Amino acid sequence: MSHPNYRLFSRHGGGIALFIHNSAPVGKVTYCKEYELLSAEVKGKSGLVLVAVVYRPPDTDCDLSSLEVALGSCHLSKYRNIMIVCDFNVDMNDPQSPLTGNFLSVINGLGLHQLMDEPIRVTNHSSSTIDLVLSSHPSLVTSLGVDGPLGSSNHLSIHVSLSLGRGTTSSGGRSGSIN
């Protein structure tokens, strides 16, 4: 899988990938096995931006408290700016679900804002907003959009453009990319 003008970061055998525009300087890249979590430090004029993609399988023993631990392994407090494209298998279209409420409590506690408001996984019988974009500073996002699926995925892809203080850069995730 490739995308013109982008570098691909991924783990073989996993369902996550991160595309980062060639113009964006990338520092440390980290993979966390407990959750499928891939993160990269992207250098901007105002400091480092942590860009991450995360996948939580639907039938997993990892609960949302594990999410806090996994994200904590990225040392979130070290970064002023955080952008996460993720599939936690928590449907934001179901606000009455206890899982959705717990998830919102976790991300709010981490100082993150959920930006995706349209269904990303659409079938003949249902649609769900389980692929999300989380940001510590929504003003970083210059554009957010949805395209066709990557490869054989049944999820649409998410594209996010960030302002890093020296132009716009992109990257992407399991079902998306960040520009």
Protein backbone atom coordinates (compact mmCIF):
# COMPACT_ATOMS: atom_id res chain seq x y z
CA MET A 1 0.00 0.00 0.00
CA SER A 2 1.38 3.40 -0.91
CA HIS A 3 0.24 6.97 -1.32
CA PRO A 4 2.12 9.52 -3.46
CA ASN A 5 4.10 12.08 -1.42
CA TYR A 6 3.55 10.19 1.84
CA ARG A 7 5.66 7.87 3.99
CA LEU A 8 3.98 4.75 5.30
CA PHE A 9 4.49 3.56 8.87
CA SER A 10 2.87 0.23 9.76
CA ARG A 11 3.28 -3.08 11.55
CA HIS A 12 3.21 -6.20 9.40
CA GLY A 13 0.20 -8.35 10.23
CA GLY A 14 -1.64 -5.50 11.94
CA GLY A 15 -4.59 -3.50 10.75
CA ILE A 16 -3.14 -0.05 11.37
CA ALA A 17 -1.02 2.26 9.26
CA LEU A 18 0.10 5.84 9.45
CA PHE A 19 0.74 7.96 6.35
CA ILE A 20 2.74 11.13 6.98
CA HIS A 21 3.46 13.70 4.30
CA ASN A 22 7.06 13.72 3.06
CA SER A 23 7.47 17.39 4.07
CA ALA A 24 6.81 16.66 7.76
CA PRO A 25 9.90 15.83 9.87
CA VAL A 26 9.22 12.66 11.85
CA GLY A 27 10.97 11.82 15.11
CA LYS A 28 10.41 8.80 17.32
CA VAL A 29 7.98 6.12 16.04
CA THR A 30 6.52 3.73 18.64
CA TYR A 31 4.35 0.61 18.48
CA CYS A 32 2.42 -0.68 21.52
CA LYS A 33 1.37 -4.36 21.34
CA GLU A 34 -1.24 -4.37 24.14
CA TYR A 35 -3.47 -2.14 22.04
CA GLU A 36 -2.70 -1.90 18.37
CA LEU A 37 -1.22 1.57 18.76
CA LEU A 38 1.27 3.20 16.41
CA SER A 39 2.49 6.70 17.18
CA ALA A 40 4.96 9.15 15.66
CA GLU A 41 6.38 12.46 16.76
CA VAL A 42 5.95 15.04 14.02
CA LYS A 43 7.95 18.23 14.38
CA GLY A 44 6.15 21.52 13.95
CA LYS A 45 7.24 25.12 14.50
CA SER A 46 5.52 25.20 17.88
CA GLY A 47 6.94 21.86 19.06
CA LEU A 48 6.23 18.19 18.73
CA VAL A 49 2.83 16.83 17.70
CA LEU A 50 2.03 13.27 18.70
CA VAL A 51 0.20 11.60 15.83
CA ALA A 52 -1.19 8.15 16.57
CA VAL A 53 -3.47 5.46 15.19
CA VAL A 54 -5.16 2.95 17.49
CA TYR A 55 -7.30 -0.13 16.97
CA ARG A 56 -9.23 -1.93 19.70
CA PRO A 57 -10.75 -5.19 18.39
CA PRO A 58 -14.46 -5.59 19.22
CA ASP A 59 -14.07 -8.90 21.09
CA THR A 60 -11.11 -7.97 23.22
CA ASP A 61 -10.34 -8.14 26.90
CA CYS A 62 -8.93 -4.60 26.66
CA ASP A 63 -11.42 -2.32 28.34
CA LEU A 64 -11.38 1.45 28.32
CA SER A 65 -9.20 1.65 31.42
CA SER A 66 -6.61 -0.22 29.32
CA LEU A 67 -6.97 2.58 26.80
CA GLU A 68 -5.82 5.08 29.40
CA VAL A 69 -2.81 2.86 30.13
CA ALA A 70 -2.00 2.42 26.42
CA LEU A 71 -2.26 6.14 25.71
CA GLY A 72 -0.28 6.79 28.88
CA SER A 73 2.50 4.67 27.41
CA CYS A 74 2.79 7.37 24.74
CA HIS A 75 3.52 9.88 27.53
CA LEU A 76 0.68 12.18 26.44
CA SER A 77 1.64 14.78 29.05
CA LYS A 78 4.89 15.33 27.14
CA TYR A 79 2.98 16.69 24.14
CA ARG A 80 1.07 19.92 23.90
CA ASN A 81 -0.53 18.82 20.62
CA ILE A 82 -2.04 15.36 20.11
CA MET A 83 -3.90 13.90 17.13
CA ILE A 84 -5.27 10.34 17.28
CA VAL A 85 -7.15 8.51 14.52
CA CYS A 86 -8.72 5.44 16.07
CA ASP A 87 -11.19 2.59 15.94
CA PHE A 88 -12.10 1.71 19.53
CA ASN A 89 -15.26 -0.12 18.45
CA VAL A 90 -17.31 2.31 20.50
CA ASP A 91 -20.25 3.59 18.43
CA MET A 92 -20.66 7.32 18.91
CA ASN A 93 -24.10 7.00 17.23
CA ASP A 94 -25.30 5.26 20.42
CA PRO A 95 -25.01 7.95 23.12
CA GLN A 96 -27.17 5.89 25.55
CA SER A 97 -24.65 3.03 25.59
CA PRO A 98 -22.66 2.79 28.85
CA LEU A 99 -19.56 1.99 26.77
CA THR A 100 -19.97 5.25 24.83
CA GLY A 101 -20.43 7.21 28.06
CA ASN A 102 -17.35 5.59 29.61
CA PHE A 103 -15.33 6.28 26.47
CA LEU A 104 -16.30 9.95 26.46
CA SER A 105 -15.29 10.20 30.13
CA VAL A 106 -11.87 8.70 29.33
CA ILE A 107 -11.13 10.99 26.38
CA ASN A 108 -12.44 14.07 28.22
CA GLY A 109 -10.24 13.16 31.18
CA LEU A 110 -7.26 13.03 28.83
CA GLY A 111 -8.12 16.49 27.47
CA LEU A 112 -9.07 15.16 24.02
CA HIS A 113 -11.93 16.27 21.77
CA GLN A 114 -13.79 13.90 19.41
CA LEU A 115 -14.02 15.52 15.95
CA MET A 116 -15.57 12.87 13.65
CA ASP A 117 -19.32 13.17 13.30
CA GLU A 118 -20.16 10.98 10.33
CA PRO A 119 -20.45 7.21 9.98
CA ILE A 120 -17.27 5.55 8.72
CA ARG A 121 -18.37 1.92 8.74
CA VAL A 122 -21.44 1.60 6.55
CA THR A 123 -23.05 -1.69 5.49
CA ASN A 124 -26.35 -2.55 3.81
CA HIS A 125 -27.89 -3.00 7.26
CA SER A 126 -26.21 -0.46 9.53
CA SER A 127 -23.88 2.48 9.91
CA SER A 128 -21.66 3.38 12.83
CA THR A 129 -19.25 6.07 13.88
CA ILE A 130 -16.57 3.85 15.41
CA ASP A 131 -13.59 5.37 13.61
CA LEU A 132 -12.80 8.59 15.38
CA VAL A 133 -10.49 11.58 15.28
CA LEU A 134 -9.34 12.83 18.69
CA SER A 135 -7.37 16.02 19.21
CA SER A 136 -6.01 17.99 22.14
CA HIS A 137 -6.40 21.17 20.10
CA PRO A 138 -9.10 21.05 17.39
CA SER A 139 -7.65 24.28 15.95
CA LEU A 140 -4.72 22.18 14.63
CA VAL A 141 -7.11 20.61 12.12
CA THR A 142 -7.31 22.51 8.86
CA SER A 143 -9.47 19.89 7.14
CA LEU A 144 -11.15 16.60 7.97
CA GLY A 145 -12.71 14.31 5.40
CA VAL A 146 -13.71 10.82 4.40
CA ASP A 147 -12.73 8.87 1.28
CA GLY A 148 -13.17 5.33 0.02
CA PRO A 149 -11.71 2.41 1.95
CA LEU A 150 -8.01 1.56 1.84
CA GLY A 151 -7.28 -1.94 0.54
CA SER A 152 -9.96 -4.45 1.48
CA SER A 153 -11.19 -2.60 4.58
CA ASN A 154 -14.93 -2.28 5.22
CA HIS A 155 -14.26 1.13 6.79
CA LEU A 156 -14.00 4.38 4.86
CA SER A 157 -10.68 6.19 5.17
CA ILE A 158 -10.25 9.34 7.22
CA HIS A 159 -8.02 12.19 6.04
CA VAL A 160 -6.93 14.89 8.45
CA SER A 161 -4.83 17.94 7.56
CA LEU A 162 -2.94 19.63 10.38
CA SER A 163 -1.33 23.03 10.57
CA LEU A 164 2.16 22.55 11.99
CA GLY A 165 3.18 26.19 11.75
CA ARG A 166 5.18 25.80 8.52
CA GLY A 167 2.51 24.78 6.07
CA THR A 168 0.11 21.91 6.20
CA THR A 169 1.12 18.32 6.72
CA SER A 170 -0.77 15.07 6.44
CA SER A 171 -0.89 11.66 8.01
CA GLY A 172 -3.37 8.85 8.33
CA GLY A 173 -4.44 5.80 10.18
CA ARG A 174 -5.96 2.34 10.23
CA SER A 175 -8.83 3.67 8.27
CA GLY A 176 -7.42 7.05 7.51
CA SER A 177 -4.59 9.40 6.87
CA ILE A 178 -3.48 12.71 8.30
CA ASN A 179 -2.51 15.42 5.87
